[in-house]
Protein backbone atom coordinates (compact mmCIF):
# COMPACT_ATOMS: atom_id res chain seq x y z
CA UNK A 1 -9.78 22.58 70.92
CA UNK A 2 -11.60 24.98 73.23
CA UNK A 3 -11.47 28.76 73.06
CA UNK A 4 -9.42 28.77 76.30
CA UNK A 5 -6.87 26.37 74.77
CA UNK A 6 -6.57 28.53 71.64
CA UNK A 7 -6.03 31.63 73.79
CA UNK A 8 -3.37 29.83 75.84
CA UNK A 9 -1.51 28.87 72.65
CA UNK A 10 -1.84 32.40 71.25
CA UNK A 11 0.41 34.23 73.69
CA UNK A 12 2.32 36.98 71.91
CA UNK A 13 5.94 37.09 72.97
CA UNK A 14 8.38 39.99 72.92
CA UNK A 15 10.11 38.32 69.97
CA UNK A 16 6.78 38.18 68.11
CA UNK A 17 6.32 41.91 68.69
CA UNK A 18 9.89 42.65 67.56
CA UNK A 19 9.39 40.66 64.36
CA UNK A 20 6.03 42.31 63.72
CA UNK A 21 7.60 45.77 64.12
CA UNK A 22 10.43 44.78 61.76
CA UNK A 23 7.91 43.62 59.14
CA UNK A 24 5.99 46.87 59.50
CA UNK A 25 9.20 48.88 59.04
CA UNK A 26 10.19 46.84 55.96
CA UNK A 27 6.72 47.43 54.50
CA UNK A 28 7.15 51.18 55.03
CA UNK A 29 10.59 51.08 53.38
CA UNK A 30 8.99 49.31 50.41
CA UNK A 31 6.39 52.12 50.24
CA UNK A 32 9.20 54.69 50.14
CA UNK A 33 10.84 52.87 47.23
CA UNK A 34 7.57 52.45 45.32
CA UNK A 35 6.81 56.15 45.89
CA UNK A 36 10.25 56.99 44.48
CA UNK A 37 9.38 55.18 41.23
CA UNK A 38 5.98 56.85 41.00
CA UNK A 39 7.38 60.28 41.87
CA UNK A 40 10.02 60.04 39.14
CA UNK A 41 7.67 58.69 36.47
CA UNK A 42 4.75 61.02 37.24
CA UNK A 43 7.04 64.08 37.70
CA UNK A 44 5.70 64.69 41.21
CA UNK A 45 8.28 66.76 43.11
CA UNK A 46 6.22 66.85 46.31
CA UNK A 47 6.04 63.05 46.40
CA UNK A 48 9.78 62.73 45.75
CA UNK A 49 10.71 65.24 48.45
CA UNK A 50 8.36 63.60 50.96
CA UNK A 51 10.22 60.28 51.00
CA UNK A 52 13.52 61.89 52.05
CA UNK A 53 14.37 63.80 55.21
CA UNK A 54 15.33 67.40 54.38
CA UNK A 55 18.99 66.76 55.26
CA UNK A 56 19.28 63.63 53.09
CA UNK A 57 22.01 63.26 50.48
CA UNK A 58 21.60 61.67 47.04
CA UNK A 59 24.42 60.51 44.76
CA UNK A 60 23.78 59.40 41.17
CA UNK A 61 27.34 58.71 40.06
CA UNK A 62 28.68 61.44 37.75
CA UNK A 63 25.14 62.55 36.85
CA UNK A 64 24.26 64.44 40.03
CA UNK A 65 24.80 64.52 43.76
CA UNK A 66 23.57 66.82 46.47
CA UNK A 67 20.78 67.63 48.85
CA UNK A 68 17.21 66.54 48.27
CA UNK A 69 15.74 69.86 47.10
CA UNK A 70 18.57 70.40 44.63
CA UNK A 71 18.36 66.81 43.39
CA UNK A 72 14.56 66.81 42.94
CA UNK A 73 14.67 70.16 41.13
CA UNK A 74 17.33 68.77 38.79
CA UNK A 75 15.29 65.59 38.10
CA UNK A 76 12.06 67.49 37.36
CA UNK A 77 13.47 70.57 35.61
CA UNK A 78 16.53 69.27 33.75
CA UNK A 79 16.69 65.48 33.53
CA UNK A 80 13.08 64.39 32.91
CA UNK A 81 12.23 66.93 30.15
CA UNK A 82 14.68 65.12 27.84
CA UNK A 83 12.31 62.14 27.75
CA UNK A 84 8.86 61.54 26.33
CA UNK A 85 8.28 58.96 29.05
CA UNK A 86 10.06 57.00 31.77
CA UNK A 87 9.12 53.92 33.75
CA UNK A 88 10.96 52.69 36.84
CA UNK A 89 10.47 49.14 38.11
CA UNK A 90 11.36 48.05 41.62
CA UNK A 91 12.81 44.53 41.63
CA UNK A 92 14.76 42.86 44.43
CA UNK A 93 14.58 44.57 47.81
CA UNK A 94 16.65 43.64 50.85
CA UNK A 95 16.34 45.56 54.10
CA UNK A 96 18.12 45.29 57.44
CA UNK A 97 16.52 47.06 60.39
CA UNK A 98 18.40 48.06 63.54
CA UNK A 99 16.24 50.00 65.97
CA UNK A 100 15.48 53.42 64.47
CA UNK A 101 17.83 53.00 61.53
CA UNK A 102 17.82 50.69 58.53
CA UNK A 103 19.73 49.99 55.35
CA UNK A 104 18.53 48.62 52.07
CA UNK A 105 19.72 47.52 48.67
CA UNK A 106 17.16 47.78 45.91
CA UNK A 107 17.47 46.71 42.29
CA UNK A 108 15.67 48.62 39.53
CA UNK A 109 15.03 48.52 35.84
CA UNK A 110 14.34 51.85 34.22
CA UNK A 111 13.05 52.73 30.79
CA UNK A 112 13.65 56.15 29.21
CA UNK A 113 12.11 57.02 25.82
CA UNK A 114 13.58 60.08 24.10
CA UNK A 115 11.38 62.31 21.97
CA UNK A 116 13.84 63.08 19.18
CA UNK A 117 15.64 61.18 17.90
CA UNK A 118 13.26 58.36 18.60
CA UNK A 119 15.35 56.08 20.80
CA UNK A 120 15.05 54.42 24.16
CA UNK A 121 17.33 53.42 27.01
CA UNK A 122 16.78 50.44 29.27
CA UNK A 123 19.02 50.29 32.31
CA UNK A 124 19.54 48.26 35.46
CA UNK A 125 20.76 49.91 38.62
CA UNK A 126 21.08 49.28 42.32
CA UNK A 127 20.44 51.78 45.08
CA UNK A 128 22.17 51.68 48.44
CA UNK A 129 19.96 53.40 50.96
CA UNK A 130 20.05 54.43 54.59
CA UNK A 131 16.79 55.15 56.39
CA UNK A 132 15.90 56.56 59.80
CA UNK A 133 12.87 56.84 61.97
CA UNK A 134 12.43 60.36 63.33
CA UNK A 135 9.40 61.28 65.42
CA UNK A 136 7.76 58.00 64.38
CA UNK A 137 8.26 58.57 60.63
CA UNK A 138 10.60 56.53 58.41
CA UNK A 139 12.32 58.27 55.49
CA UNK A 140 15.47 58.05 53.40
CA UNK A 141 18.59 59.80 54.73
CA UNK A 142 21.09 58.69 52.07
CA UNK A 143 20.87 57.17 48.60
CA UNK A 144 23.62 56.16 46.19
CA UNK A 145 22.83 54.66 42.80
CA UNK A 146 25.19 52.54 40.72
CA UNK A 147 24.66 51.20 37.22
CA UNK A 148 24.69 47.47 36.48
CA UNK A 149 24.09 47.76 32.73
CA UNK A 150 22.47 50.00 30.12
CA UNK A 151 21.19 49.39 26.58
CA UNK A 152 20.11 51.87 23.91
CA UNK A 153 18.02 51.05 20.85
CA UNK A 154 15.68 52.74 18.35
CA UNK A 155 11.99 52.99 19.24
CA UNK A 156 9.64 50.94 17.07
CA UNK A 157 6.56 53.19 17.11
CA UNK A 158 4.53 50.55 15.25
CA UNK A 159 4.46 48.51 18.46
CA UNK A 160 2.28 51.19 20.06
CA UNK A 161 -0.52 50.64 17.53
CA UNK A 162 -2.64 47.78 16.25
CA UNK A 163 -2.86 44.66 18.40
CA UNK A 164 -0.61 46.17 21.08
CA UNK A 165 -2.38 49.53 21.28
CA UNK A 166 -3.27 50.83 24.76
CA UNK A 167 -3.57 54.22 26.30
CA UNK A 168 -0.04 55.46 26.96
CA UNK A 169 1.12 56.47 30.41
CA UNK A 170 1.91 60.14 30.86
CA UNK A 171 4.40 61.99 32.99
CA UNK A 172 2.63 64.42 35.30
CA UNK A 173 -0.97 64.83 36.43
CA UNK A 174 -2.49 63.77 33.07
CA UNK A 175 -1.57 60.13 33.79
CA UNK A 176 -4.55 57.74 33.77
CA UNK A 177 -3.71 56.52 37.31
CA UNK A 178 -4.98 59.80 38.79
CA UNK A 179 -8.36 59.22 37.16
CA UNK A 180 -8.68 55.54 38.04
CA UNK A 181 -7.00 55.28 41.46
CA UNK A 182 -8.63 57.71 43.87
CA UNK A 183 -6.27 56.82 46.74
CA UNK A 184 -3.15 57.71 44.71
CA UNK A 185 -3.30 61.49 44.44
CA UNK A 186 -0.36 63.75 43.73
CA UNK A 187 1.72 65.14 46.53
CA UNK A 188 3.57 63.88 49.59
CA UNK A 189 3.56 60.30 50.83
CA UNK A 190 1.56 60.26 54.05
CA UNK A 191 3.07 58.75 57.21
CA UNK A 192 1.25 55.68 58.43
């Protein structure tokens, strides 16, 4: 096949451009969700606030609901200090994009290890999210979280030593990721 024939077969259609834009938006929505997990686990209020528009609303069942600043302050100052460590995992993600708005359902597993008494919670939840593009930037405008299941058990500290020993992750700026990953600093998520 000649270069001219390849070029003739490589015409980009309007539908191709629409699909490419949709993929780019879905990738950005994934970044917002991954940043949410990192912001919670690393206790980074600037990162958490940066993924929501200032007028966004967050509802966590009976635990907390309200505006973003109030919610982030509650997470960092009241909720997270109860735990030695947390880890949030992003699982299934499903996004629907409609112009400058989108919706998504994300599934998560979260791990919360208490300091005293030594116990841990493992929970599954789903988030129902609405997103908007404003001035070329996608962020969350609404989030509601529901619980699928939760399990509590004692912590077996022996598992953190011996053949399973590794450096432990840390909430806050002491986490190893800030030393190893130079592109993942603290603070707001940057628009692409």
